[in-house]
Amino acid sequence: MSLIRKNDFFPTVPTLFNDFFTKDLWDWEVGNTSSSNTTVPAINVRETKDNFEVEVAAPGMKKDDFKIELNGNMLTISSEKQNEWEDKEGERYTRREFSYQSFQRSFQLPKDVVDEDKIKAKYENGLLHMVIPKKEHARQRPPRMIEIK
């Protein structure tokens, strides 16, 4: 149950109040957190005539940090990484924003469309890039002319 009622005349007021009371004073620009305050990487999903292309923005990680699973037509991308920094003698952080918490994102792909054996993934320059090919019967074909007899 919400303590703030929706106001149709000022629709941003509840969000403003929620943000004011739940966000860190210095955290107004960071918008990639889930309701549990864990970092959720931004993801782009693009469909071409032959493939689905998925990009996950996850800088500071290694390819071994990711787990990619296709179960039926449910694609799940997850990672579980621990913070590896240590305070060194005589040093003190005044602010820490690097966050390598675990995450999981799942996407429903169209049924019987994905060619599971040809999925490719690579991690480079902070970006996990996946190419998920479509089966031949699911690919878009150019229009064809039909001869009239």
N, C-alpha and C. Protein backbone atom coordinates (compact mmCIF):
# COMPACT_ATOMS: atom_id res chain seq x y z
N MET A 1 0.84 -1.18 0.00
CA MET A 1 0.00 0.00 0.00
C MET A 1 0.88 1.23 0.00
N SER A 2 0.58 2.16 -0.88
CA SER A 2 1.37 3.38 -1.01
C SER A 2 0.87 4.43 -0.04
N LEU A 3 1.77 5.17 0.53
CA LEU A 3 1.39 6.26 1.43
C LEU A 3 1.06 7.53 0.67
N ILE A 4 1.44 7.56 -0.60
CA ILE A 4 1.19 8.75 -1.41
C ILE A 4 0.22 8.38 -2.51
N ARG A 5 -0.89 9.09 -2.58
CA ARG A 5 -1.87 8.82 -3.62
C ARG A 5 -1.42 9.40 -4.94
N LYS A 6 -1.88 8.76 -6.01
CA LYS A 6 -1.58 9.26 -7.34
C LYS A 6 -2.35 10.55 -7.56
N ASN A 7 -1.66 11.54 -8.08
CA ASN A 7 -2.27 12.83 -8.33
C ASN A 7 -2.22 13.09 -9.83
N ASP A 8 -3.37 13.09 -10.48
CA ASP A 8 -3.41 13.25 -11.94
C ASP A 8 -2.99 14.65 -12.38
N PHE A 9 -3.13 15.64 -11.52
CA PHE A 9 -2.74 17.00 -11.89
C PHE A 9 -1.24 17.21 -11.80
N PHE A 10 -0.58 16.53 -10.88
CA PHE A 10 0.86 16.63 -10.69
C PHE A 10 1.45 15.22 -10.63
N PRO A 11 1.53 14.52 -11.79
CA PRO A 11 1.94 13.12 -11.76
C PRO A 11 3.36 12.87 -11.29
N THR A 12 4.23 13.87 -11.31
CA THR A 12 5.62 13.64 -10.89
C THR A 12 5.81 13.85 -9.40
N VAL A 13 4.81 14.39 -8.71
CA VAL A 13 4.97 14.68 -7.29
C VAL A 13 5.25 13.42 -6.47
N PRO A 14 4.50 12.29 -6.64
CA PRO A 14 4.84 11.11 -5.84
C PRO A 14 6.26 10.61 -6.12
N THR A 15 6.66 10.64 -7.38
CA THR A 15 8.02 10.21 -7.71
C THR A 15 9.04 11.12 -7.05
N LEU A 16 8.80 12.40 -7.09
CA LEU A 16 9.70 13.35 -6.47
C LEU A 16 9.83 13.07 -4.97
N PHE A 17 8.70 12.86 -4.29
CA PHE A 17 8.75 12.57 -2.86
C PHE A 17 9.42 11.23 -2.59
N ASN A 18 9.09 10.21 -3.39
CA ASN A 18 9.73 8.90 -3.20
C ASN A 18 11.23 9.01 -3.39
N ASP A 19 11.65 9.71 -4.45
CA ASP A 19 13.09 9.86 -4.70
C ASP A 19 13.75 10.64 -3.58
N PHE A 20 13.09 11.66 -3.08
CA PHE A 20 13.68 12.49 -2.04
C PHE A 20 13.93 11.69 -0.77
N PHE A 21 12.98 10.83 -0.40
CA PHE A 21 13.11 10.10 0.85
C PHE A 21 13.83 8.76 0.72
N THR A 22 14.03 8.25 -0.51
CA THR A 22 14.66 6.94 -0.64
C THR A 22 16.02 6.97 -1.30
N LYS A 23 16.40 8.07 -1.94
CA LYS A 23 17.69 8.11 -2.63
C LYS A 23 18.74 8.80 -1.76
N ASP A 24 19.97 8.42 -2.00
CA ASP A 24 21.10 9.07 -1.36
C ASP A 24 21.17 10.52 -1.84
N LEU A 25 21.62 11.39 -1.01
CA LEU A 25 21.70 12.81 -1.35
C LEU A 25 22.49 13.06 -2.62
N TRP A 26 23.53 12.28 -2.87
CA TRP A 26 24.39 12.49 -4.04
C TRP A 26 24.05 11.56 -5.20
N ASP A 27 22.98 10.80 -5.11
CA ASP A 27 22.70 9.74 -6.08
C ASP A 27 21.56 10.09 -7.03
N TRP A 28 21.41 11.34 -7.42
CA TRP A 28 20.27 11.74 -8.26
C TRP A 28 20.47 11.39 -9.72
N GLU A 29 21.68 11.19 -10.18
CA GLU A 29 21.93 10.91 -11.58
C GLU A 29 21.96 9.43 -11.92
N VAL A 30 22.15 8.57 -10.95
CA VAL A 30 22.27 7.15 -11.21
C VAL A 30 20.87 6.54 -11.26
N GLY A 31 20.48 6.00 -12.43
CA GLY A 31 19.14 5.48 -12.59
C GLY A 31 19.09 4.01 -12.90
N ASN A 32 20.19 3.29 -12.76
CA ASN A 32 20.20 1.89 -13.13
C ASN A 32 20.21 0.98 -11.91
N THR A 33 19.33 1.28 -10.95
CA THR A 33 19.23 0.42 -9.78
C THR A 33 17.86 -0.22 -9.75
N SER A 34 17.79 -1.42 -9.20
CA SER A 34 16.52 -2.10 -9.06
C SER A 34 15.87 -1.68 -7.75
N SER A 35 14.69 -2.22 -7.47
CA SER A 35 14.00 -1.87 -6.24
C SER A 35 14.77 -2.33 -5.00
N SER A 36 15.70 -3.27 -5.18
CA SER A 36 16.52 -3.74 -4.05
C SER A 36 17.84 -3.00 -3.97
N ASN A 37 17.98 -1.92 -4.75
CA ASN A 37 19.18 -1.09 -4.79
C ASN A 37 20.41 -1.84 -5.28
N THR A 38 20.23 -2.86 -6.11
CA THR A 38 21.36 -3.51 -6.75
C THR A 38 21.49 -2.93 -8.15
N THR A 39 22.69 -2.90 -8.65
CA THR A 39 22.94 -2.36 -9.97
C THR A 39 22.43 -3.31 -11.03
N VAL A 40 21.68 -2.78 -11.98
CA VAL A 40 21.16 -3.57 -13.08
C VAL A 40 21.73 -2.97 -14.36
N PRO A 41 22.50 -3.75 -15.11
CA PRO A 41 23.10 -3.19 -16.32
C PRO A 41 22.05 -2.86 -17.38
N ALA A 42 22.33 -1.81 -18.14
CA ALA A 42 21.46 -1.43 -19.24
C ALA A 42 21.61 -2.44 -20.36
N ILE A 43 20.50 -2.75 -21.01
CA ILE A 43 20.50 -3.76 -22.07
C ILE A 43 19.75 -3.22 -23.29
N ASN A 44 20.34 -3.47 -24.45
CA ASN A 44 19.68 -3.17 -25.73
C ASN A 44 19.37 -4.50 -26.41
N VAL A 45 18.18 -4.63 -26.96
CA VAL A 45 17.81 -5.80 -27.75
C VAL A 45 17.31 -5.29 -29.09
N ARG A 46 17.97 -5.76 -30.14
CA ARG A 46 17.64 -5.31 -31.50
C ARG A 46 17.29 -6.54 -32.33
N GLU A 47 16.28 -6.41 -33.19
CA GLU A 47 15.92 -7.49 -34.09
C GLU A 47 16.23 -7.08 -35.51
N THR A 48 16.97 -7.92 -36.20
CA THR A 48 17.22 -7.72 -37.62
C THR A 48 16.47 -8.82 -38.36
N LYS A 49 16.58 -8.84 -39.68
CA LYS A 49 15.84 -9.87 -40.42
C LYS A 49 16.39 -11.27 -40.14
N ASP A 50 17.68 -11.38 -39.78
CA ASP A 50 18.29 -12.69 -39.55
C ASP A 50 18.58 -13.03 -38.10
N ASN A 51 18.65 -12.03 -37.21
CA ASN A 51 19.13 -12.25 -35.84
C ASN A 51 18.38 -11.39 -34.82
N PHE A 52 18.57 -11.78 -33.57
CA PHE A 52 18.35 -10.88 -32.44
C PHE A 52 19.74 -10.52 -31.94
N GLU A 53 19.97 -9.27 -31.61
CA GLU A 53 21.26 -8.83 -31.09
C GLU A 53 21.03 -8.22 -29.71
N VAL A 54 21.79 -8.70 -28.75
CA VAL A 54 21.65 -8.25 -27.36
C VAL A 54 22.97 -7.63 -26.94
N GLU A 55 22.89 -6.44 -26.35
CA GLU A 55 24.07 -5.75 -25.81
C GLU A 55 23.81 -5.46 -24.33
N VAL A 56 24.77 -5.83 -23.50
CA VAL A 56 24.67 -5.59 -22.06
C VAL A 56 25.84 -4.72 -21.66
N ALA A 57 25.57 -3.54 -21.11
CA ALA A 57 26.62 -2.63 -20.65
C ALA A 57 27.05 -3.06 -19.25
N ALA A 58 28.25 -3.64 -19.18
CA ALA A 58 28.76 -4.15 -17.90
C ALA A 58 30.26 -3.92 -17.81
N PRO A 59 30.68 -2.66 -17.69
CA PRO A 59 32.12 -2.39 -17.61
C PRO A 59 32.73 -2.92 -16.33
N GLY A 60 34.01 -3.25 -16.43
CA GLY A 60 34.75 -3.71 -15.25
C GLY A 60 34.60 -5.19 -14.96
N MET A 61 33.91 -5.89 -15.82
CA MET A 61 33.72 -7.32 -15.60
C MET A 61 34.60 -8.11 -16.56
N LYS A 62 34.64 -9.41 -16.36
CA LYS A 62 35.36 -10.31 -17.24
C LYS A 62 34.34 -11.27 -17.85
N LYS A 63 34.70 -11.89 -18.96
CA LYS A 63 33.75 -12.79 -19.61
C LYS A 63 33.36 -13.95 -18.70
N ASP A 64 34.27 -14.36 -17.81
CA ASP A 64 33.96 -15.46 -16.90
C ASP A 64 32.96 -15.08 -15.81
N ASP A 65 32.67 -13.78 -15.66
CA ASP A 65 31.72 -13.33 -14.65
C ASP A 65 30.27 -13.56 -15.08
N PHE A 66 30.04 -13.82 -16.36
CA PHE A 66 28.69 -13.94 -16.89
C PHE A 66 28.24 -15.39 -17.00
N LYS A 67 26.95 -15.57 -16.87
CA LYS A 67 26.31 -16.86 -17.14
C LYS A 67 25.15 -16.56 -18.08
N ILE A 68 25.13 -17.22 -19.23
CA ILE A 68 24.07 -17.03 -20.21
C ILE A 68 23.38 -18.36 -20.41
N GLU A 69 22.07 -18.36 -20.26
CA GLU A 69 21.32 -19.61 -20.35
C GLU A 69 20.09 -19.41 -21.22
N LEU A 70 19.85 -20.35 -22.12
CA LEU A 70 18.64 -20.36 -22.92
C LEU A 70 17.86 -21.60 -22.54
N ASN A 71 16.70 -21.41 -21.94
CA ASN A 71 15.85 -22.51 -21.50
C ASN A 71 14.54 -22.39 -22.26
N GLY A 72 14.37 -23.21 -23.28
CA GLY A 72 13.21 -23.06 -24.16
C GLY A 72 13.38 -21.77 -24.92
N ASN A 73 12.47 -20.85 -24.74
CA ASN A 73 12.61 -19.54 -25.38
C ASN A 73 12.87 -18.42 -24.36
N MET A 74 13.31 -18.82 -23.14
CA MET A 74 13.64 -17.84 -22.10
C MET A 74 15.16 -17.66 -22.04
N LEU A 75 15.63 -16.46 -22.38
CA LEU A 75 17.05 -16.13 -22.32
C LEU A 75 17.32 -15.45 -20.99
N THR A 76 18.29 -15.97 -20.24
CA THR A 76 18.65 -15.39 -18.95
C THR A 76 20.13 -15.06 -18.96
N ILE A 77 20.44 -13.81 -18.64
CA ILE A 77 21.82 -13.34 -18.52
C ILE A 77 22.01 -12.96 -17.05
N SER A 78 23.02 -13.53 -16.43
CA SER A 78 23.24 -13.23 -15.01
C SER A 78 24.73 -13.12 -14.73
N SER A 79 25.02 -12.56 -13.58
CA SER A 79 26.40 -12.43 -13.14
C SER A 79 26.41 -12.36 -11.62
N GLU A 80 27.45 -12.95 -11.06
CA GLU A 80 27.66 -12.85 -9.63
C GLU A 80 29.12 -12.51 -9.41
N LYS A 81 29.39 -11.27 -9.08
CA LYS A 81 30.76 -10.79 -8.92
C LYS A 81 30.88 -10.11 -7.58
N GLN A 82 31.95 -10.40 -6.89
CA GLN A 82 32.21 -9.79 -5.60
C GLN A 82 33.08 -8.55 -5.77
N ASN A 83 32.90 -7.59 -4.89
CA ASN A 83 33.78 -6.43 -4.88
C ASN A 83 35.17 -6.89 -4.48
N GLU A 84 36.17 -6.46 -5.26
CA GLU A 84 37.53 -6.94 -5.02
C GLU A 84 38.46 -5.87 -4.49
N TRP A 85 37.94 -4.69 -4.22
CA TRP A 85 38.85 -3.64 -3.75
C TRP A 85 39.14 -3.79 -2.26
N GLU A 86 40.28 -3.30 -1.89
CA GLU A 86 40.68 -3.31 -0.49
C GLU A 86 41.16 -1.92 -0.13
N ASP A 87 40.94 -1.52 1.12
CA ASP A 87 41.52 -0.27 1.58
C ASP A 87 43.00 -0.51 1.82
N LYS A 88 43.82 0.32 1.23
CA LYS A 88 45.26 0.21 1.42
C LYS A 88 45.65 1.07 2.61
N GLU A 89 46.75 0.72 3.20
CA GLU A 89 47.24 1.44 4.37
C GLU A 89 47.38 2.93 4.06
N GLY A 90 46.76 3.77 4.86
CA GLY A 90 46.89 5.21 4.70
C GLY A 90 45.94 5.81 3.67
N GLU A 91 45.12 4.99 3.02
CA GLU A 91 44.16 5.51 2.03
C GLU A 91 42.75 5.38 2.58
N ARG A 92 41.92 6.33 2.15
CA ARG A 92 40.53 6.31 2.59
C ARG A 92 39.67 6.80 1.43
N TYR A 93 38.65 6.04 1.08
CA TYR A 93 37.72 6.47 0.03
C TYR A 93 36.79 7.52 0.60
N THR A 94 36.57 8.58 -0.14
CA THR A 94 35.56 9.56 0.24
C THR A 94 34.25 9.27 -0.46
N ARG A 95 34.31 8.44 -1.50
CA ARG A 95 33.11 8.03 -2.22
C ARG A 95 33.42 6.77 -3.01
N ARG A 96 32.53 5.79 -2.99
CA ARG A 96 32.65 4.56 -3.77
C ARG A 96 31.38 4.35 -4.56
N GLU A 97 31.48 4.33 -5.87
CA GLU A 97 30.31 4.11 -6.71
C GLU A 97 30.44 2.86 -7.55
N PHE A 98 31.64 2.29 -7.66
CA PHE A 98 31.78 1.05 -8.41
C PHE A 98 30.96 -0.02 -7.70
N SER A 99 30.14 -0.69 -8.45
CA SER A 99 29.30 -1.70 -7.86
C SER A 99 29.29 -2.93 -8.77
N TYR A 100 29.69 -4.05 -8.24
CA TYR A 100 29.73 -5.28 -9.01
C TYR A 100 28.87 -6.32 -8.30
N GLN A 101 27.64 -5.96 -8.10
CA GLN A 101 26.74 -6.87 -7.43
C GLN A 101 26.15 -7.84 -8.44
N SER A 102 25.56 -8.88 -7.95
CA SER A 102 24.97 -9.85 -8.85
C SER A 102 23.72 -9.26 -9.50
N PHE A 103 23.43 -9.76 -10.70
CA PHE A 103 22.21 -9.35 -11.39
C PHE A 103 21.70 -10.52 -12.21
N GLN A 104 20.46 -10.42 -12.60
CA GLN A 104 19.87 -11.40 -13.51
C GLN A 104 18.81 -10.70 -14.34
N ARG A 105 18.91 -10.87 -15.65
CA ARG A 105 17.92 -10.31 -16.57
C ARG A 105 17.42 -11.46 -17.44
N SER A 106 16.11 -11.54 -17.62
CA SER A 106 15.51 -12.60 -18.44
C SER A 106 14.63 -11.98 -19.52
N PHE A 107 14.65 -12.62 -20.69
CA PHE A 107 13.89 -12.14 -21.83
C PHE A 107 13.22 -13.31 -22.51
N GLN A 108 11.96 -13.13 -22.87
CA GLN A 108 11.21 -14.15 -23.57
C GLN A 108 11.41 -13.91 -25.07
N LEU A 109 12.01 -14.89 -25.74
CA LEU A 109 12.19 -14.81 -27.18
C LEU A 109 11.00 -15.49 -27.85
N PRO A 110 10.70 -15.11 -29.09
CA PRO A 110 9.58 -15.76 -29.78
C PRO A 110 9.78 -17.27 -29.86
N LYS A 111 8.70 -18.00 -29.72
CA LYS A 111 8.76 -19.46 -29.69
C LYS A 111 9.15 -20.04 -31.05
N ASP A 112 10.02 -21.04 -31.03
CA ASP A 112 10.46 -21.78 -32.22
C ASP A 112 11.07 -20.88 -33.29
N VAL A 113 11.79 -19.86 -32.86
CA VAL A 113 12.40 -18.92 -33.80
C VAL A 113 13.92 -18.96 -33.73
N VAL A 114 14.48 -19.22 -32.56
CA VAL A 114 15.91 -19.11 -32.33
C VAL A 114 16.65 -20.38 -32.74
N ASP A 115 17.75 -20.21 -33.46
CA ASP A 115 18.64 -21.32 -33.81
C ASP A 115 19.65 -21.46 -32.67
N GLU A 116 19.32 -22.29 -31.69
CA GLU A 116 20.07 -22.39 -30.43
C GLU A 116 21.53 -22.78 -30.63
N ASP A 117 21.83 -23.58 -31.63
CA ASP A 117 23.19 -24.08 -31.83
C ASP A 117 24.14 -23.03 -32.40
N LYS A 118 23.63 -21.91 -32.85
CA LYS A 118 24.48 -20.91 -33.50
C LYS A 118 24.58 -19.60 -32.71
N ILE A 119 24.14 -19.58 -31.46
CA ILE A 119 24.22 -18.37 -30.64
C ILE A 119 25.69 -18.09 -30.33
N LYS A 120 26.07 -16.82 -30.46
CA LYS A 120 27.44 -16.40 -30.17
C LYS A 120 27.41 -15.25 -29.18
N ALA A 121 28.42 -15.23 -28.29
CA ALA A 121 28.54 -14.14 -27.33
C ALA A 121 30.00 -13.79 -27.17
N LYS A 122 30.26 -12.48 -27.02
CA LYS A 122 31.63 -12.03 -26.73
C LYS A 122 31.54 -10.83 -25.80
N TYR A 123 32.56 -10.69 -24.98
CA TYR A 123 32.65 -9.56 -24.06
C TYR A 123 33.87 -8.75 -24.43
N GLU A 124 33.67 -7.48 -24.72
CA GLU A 124 34.77 -6.63 -25.17
C GLU A 124 34.49 -5.18 -24.78
N ASN A 125 35.49 -4.53 -24.21
CA ASN A 125 35.40 -3.11 -23.84
C ASN A 125 34.17 -2.77 -23.00
N GLY A 126 33.84 -3.62 -22.04
CA GLY A 126 32.74 -3.35 -21.13
C GLY A 126 31.37 -3.67 -21.68
N LEU A 127 31.31 -4.33 -22.83
CA LEU A 127 30.03 -4.62 -23.47
C LEU A 127 29.94 -6.10 -23.80
N LEU A 128 28.92 -6.76 -23.27
CA LEU A 128 28.63 -8.14 -23.64
C LEU A 128 27.72 -8.07 -24.86
N HIS A 129 28.15 -8.66 -25.95
CA HIS A 129 27.39 -8.62 -27.20
C HIS A 129 27.02 -10.04 -27.60
N MET A 130 25.74 -10.28 -27.83
CA MET A 130 25.26 -11.59 -28.24
C MET A 130 24.56 -11.49 -29.59
N VAL A 131 24.78 -12.48 -30.42
CA VAL A 131 24.05 -12.61 -31.68
C VAL A 131 23.27 -13.91 -31.59
N ILE A 132 21.96 -13.80 -31.69
CA ILE A 132 21.07 -14.95 -31.58
C ILE A 132 20.38 -15.13 -32.93
N PRO A 133 20.89 -16.04 -33.76
CA PRO A 133 20.33 -16.22 -35.10
C PRO A 133 18.92 -16.80 -35.07
N LYS A 134 18.14 -16.41 -36.05
CA LYS A 134 16.81 -16.97 -36.23
C LYS A 134 16.91 -18.22 -37.10
N LYS A 135 15.99 -19.13 -36.91
CA LYS A 135 15.90 -20.29 -37.78
C LYS A 135 15.52 -19.81 -39.19
N GLU A 136 15.86 -20.60 -40.17
CA GLU A 136 15.62 -20.23 -41.56
C GLU A 136 14.15 -19.89 -41.82
N HIS A 137 13.23 -20.68 -41.29
CA HIS A 137 11.80 -20.42 -41.56
C HIS A 137 11.29 -19.14 -40.89
N ALA A 138 12.01 -18.62 -39.91
CA ALA A 138 11.56 -17.44 -39.18
C ALA A 138 12.16 -16.14 -39.72
N ARG A 139 13.09 -16.25 -40.64
CA ARG A 139 13.73 -15.05 -41.19
C ARG A 139 12.79 -14.31 -42.13
N GLN A 140 12.91 -12.99 -42.11
CA GLN A 140 12.10 -12.17 -43.00
C GLN A 140 12.59 -12.36 -44.42
N ARG A 141 11.68 -12.53 -45.30
CA ARG A 141 12.04 -12.66 -46.71
C ARG A 141 11.57 -11.42 -47.45
N PRO A 142 12.30 -11.05 -48.48
CA PRO A 142 11.85 -9.89 -49.25
C PRO A 142 10.55 -10.21 -49.98
N PRO A 143 9.77 -9.19 -50.28
CA PRO A 143 8.52 -9.44 -51.01
C PRO A 143 8.82 -10.07 -52.37
N ARG A 144 7.95 -10.92 -52.80
CA ARG A 144 8.16 -11.53 -54.12
C ARG A 144 6.94 -11.26 -54.98
N MET A 145 7.19 -11.17 -56.22
CA MET A 145 6.13 -10.92 -57.19
C MET A 145 5.45 -12.25 -57.53
N ILE A 146 4.19 -12.23 -57.63
CA ILE A 146 3.42 -13.41 -57.99
C ILE A 146 2.87 -13.21 -59.40
N GLU A 147 3.20 -14.14 -60.23
CA GLU A 147 2.81 -14.06 -61.64
C GLU A 147 1.31 -14.38 -61.76
N ILE A 148 0.65 -13.58 -62.54
CA ILE A 148 -0.78 -13.80 -62.81
C ILE A 148 -0.88 -14.52 -64.14
N LYS A 149 -1.62 -15.64 -64.20
CA LYS A 149 -1.77 -16.42 -65.43
C LYS A 149 -3.14 -16.31 -65.98
